[in-house]
Amino acid sequence: MLIMTKDREIINLDNVLEIRANKRNVECELMNGYIYTIQSFRTYKEAEDALDKILNQYDRGQRVIKL
């Protein structure tokens, strides 16, 4: 599965070590140590909801998720 960051970069989730909701952001850490902010939100609850959206779509094939 692919995900588009707020900077319009595409990340393949096969290379992701961890995805997390952190304060007001949804971030992912790649296996090479880089941390990307996928999207920023106004509240922690919105970030958690976006993380749930990503996790619920994880096994649905090779496609791009935009938040």
C-alpha atoms as a PDB file:
ATOM      1  CA  MET A   1       0.000   0.000   0.000  1.00  0.00           C
ATOM      2  CA  LEU A   2       1.151   3.521  -0.716  1.00  0.00           C
ATOM      3  CA  ILE A   3       0.485   6.673   1.271  1.00  0.00           C
ATOM      4  CA  MET A   4       0.889  10.314   0.246  1.00  0.00           C
ATOM      5  CA  THR A   5       2.521  12.687   2.738  1.00  0.00           C
ATOM      6  CA  LYS A   6       1.559  16.321   3.202  1.00  0.00           C
ATOM      7  CA  ASP A   7       4.541  17.237   0.975  1.00  0.00           C
ATOM      8  CA  ARG A   8       3.038  15.059  -1.805  1.00  0.00           C
ATOM      9  CA  GLU A   9       5.687  12.352  -1.453  1.00  0.00           C
ATOM     10  CA  ILE A  10       4.583   8.755  -1.893  1.00  0.00           C
ATOM     11  CA  ILE A  11       5.770   6.227   0.703  1.00  0.00           C
ATOM     12  CA  ASN A  12       5.481   2.479   0.288  1.00  0.00           C
ATOM     13  CA  LEU A  13       4.291   1.049   3.593  1.00  0.00           C
ATOM     14  CA  ASP A  14       6.455  -2.032   3.023  1.00  0.00           C
ATOM     15  CA  ASN A  15       9.392   0.224   4.006  1.00  0.00           C
ATOM     16  CA  VAL A  16       7.732   1.640   7.132  1.00  0.00           C
ATOM     17  CA  LEU A  17       8.879   0.552  10.565  1.00  0.00           C
ATOM     18  CA  GLU A  18       6.202   2.411  12.577  1.00  0.00           C
ATOM     19  CA  ILE A  19       3.141   4.600  12.013  1.00  0.00           C
ATOM     20  CA  ARG A  20       1.943   6.701  14.934  1.00  0.00           C
ATOM     21  CA  ALA A  21      -0.313   9.589  15.928  1.00  0.00           C
ATOM     22  CA  ASN A  22       1.965  12.081  17.675  1.00  0.00           C
ATOM     23  CA  LYS A  23       0.369  15.182  19.257  1.00  0.00           C
ATOM     24  CA  ARG A  24      -1.287  16.703  16.178  1.00  0.00           C
ATOM     25  CA  ASN A  25       0.462  14.728  13.444  1.00  0.00           C
ATOM     26  CA  VAL A  26       0.343  11.300  11.884  1.00  0.00           C
ATOM     27  CA  GLU A  27       3.969  10.277  11.339  1.00  0.00           C
ATOM     28  CA  CYS A  28       5.758   7.271   9.957  1.00  0.00           C
ATOM     29  CA  GLU A  29       9.298   6.118  10.609  1.00  0.00           C
ATOM     30  CA  LEU A  30      11.051   4.340   7.775  1.00  0.00           C
ATOM     31  CA  MET A  31      13.511   1.493   8.169  1.00  0.00           C
ATOM     32  CA  ASN A  32      16.369   3.862   7.282  1.00  0.00           C
ATOM     33  CA  GLY A  33      15.545   6.102  10.273  1.00  0.00           C
ATOM     34  CA  TYR A  34      13.798   8.973   8.481  1.00  0.00           C
ATOM     35  CA  ILE A  35      10.578  10.268  10.016  1.00  0.00           C
ATOM     36  CA  TYR A  36       7.941  11.698   7.694  1.00  0.00           C
ATOM     37  CA  THR A  37       4.877  13.682   8.720  1.00  0.00           C
ATOM     38  CA  ILE A  38       2.025  12.223   6.718  1.00  0.00           C
ATOM     39  CA  GLN A  39      -0.497  14.886   7.730  1.00  0.00           C
ATOM     40  CA  SER A  40      -0.965  17.560  10.410  1.00  0.00           C
ATOM     41  CA  PHE A  41      -4.264  18.100  12.228  1.00  0.00           C
ATOM     42  CA  ARG A  42      -5.776  20.555  14.688  1.00  0.00           C
ATOM     43  CA  THR A  43      -6.355  18.015  17.451  1.00  0.00           C
ATOM     44  CA  TYR A  44      -4.921  14.708  18.641  1.00  0.00           C
ATOM     45  CA  LYS A  45      -8.339  13.080  18.115  1.00  0.00           C
ATOM     46  CA  GLU A  46      -8.293  13.998  14.402  1.00  0.00           C
ATOM     47  CA  ALA A  47      -4.807  12.505  14.109  1.00  0.00           C
ATOM     48  CA  GLU A  48      -5.993   9.285  15.788  1.00  0.00           C
ATOM     49  CA  ASP A  49      -8.967   9.065  13.403  1.00  0.00           C
ATOM     50  CA  ALA A  50      -6.649   9.465  10.404  1.00  0.00           C
ATOM     51  CA  LEU A  51      -4.363   6.747  11.752  1.00  0.00           C
ATOM     52  CA  ASP A  52      -7.389   4.450  12.109  1.00  0.00           C
ATOM     53  CA  LYS A  53      -8.325   5.192   8.500  1.00  0.00           C
ATOM     54  CA  ILE A  54      -4.846   4.142   7.345  1.00  0.00           C
ATOM     55  CA  LEU A  55      -4.847   0.972   9.430  1.00  0.00           C
ATOM     56  CA  ASN A  56      -8.354  -0.031   8.305  1.00  0.00           C
ATOM     57  CA  GLN A  57      -7.294   0.162   4.639  1.00  0.00           C
ATOM     58  CA  TYR A  58      -3.929  -1.571   5.083  1.00  0.00           C
ATOM     59  CA  ASP A  59      -4.691  -4.930   3.438  1.00  0.00           C
ATOM     60  CA  ARG A  60      -6.839  -3.680   0.558  1.00  0.00           C
ATOM     61  CA  GLY A  61      -4.246  -3.853  -2.204  1.00  0.00           C
ATOM     62  CA  GLN A  62      -1.730  -1.543  -3.829  1.00  0.00           C
ATOM     63  CA  ARG A  63      -3.241   1.932  -3.900  1.00  0.00           C
ATOM     64  CA  VAL A  64      -2.524   5.450  -2.689  1.00  0.00           C
ATOM     65  CA  ILE A  65      -4.231   6.714   0.465  1.00  0.00           C
ATOM     66  CA  LYS A  66      -4.694  10.464   0.802  1.00  0.00           C
ATOM     67  CA  LEU A  67      -5.994  11.970   4.043  1.00  0.00           C
END
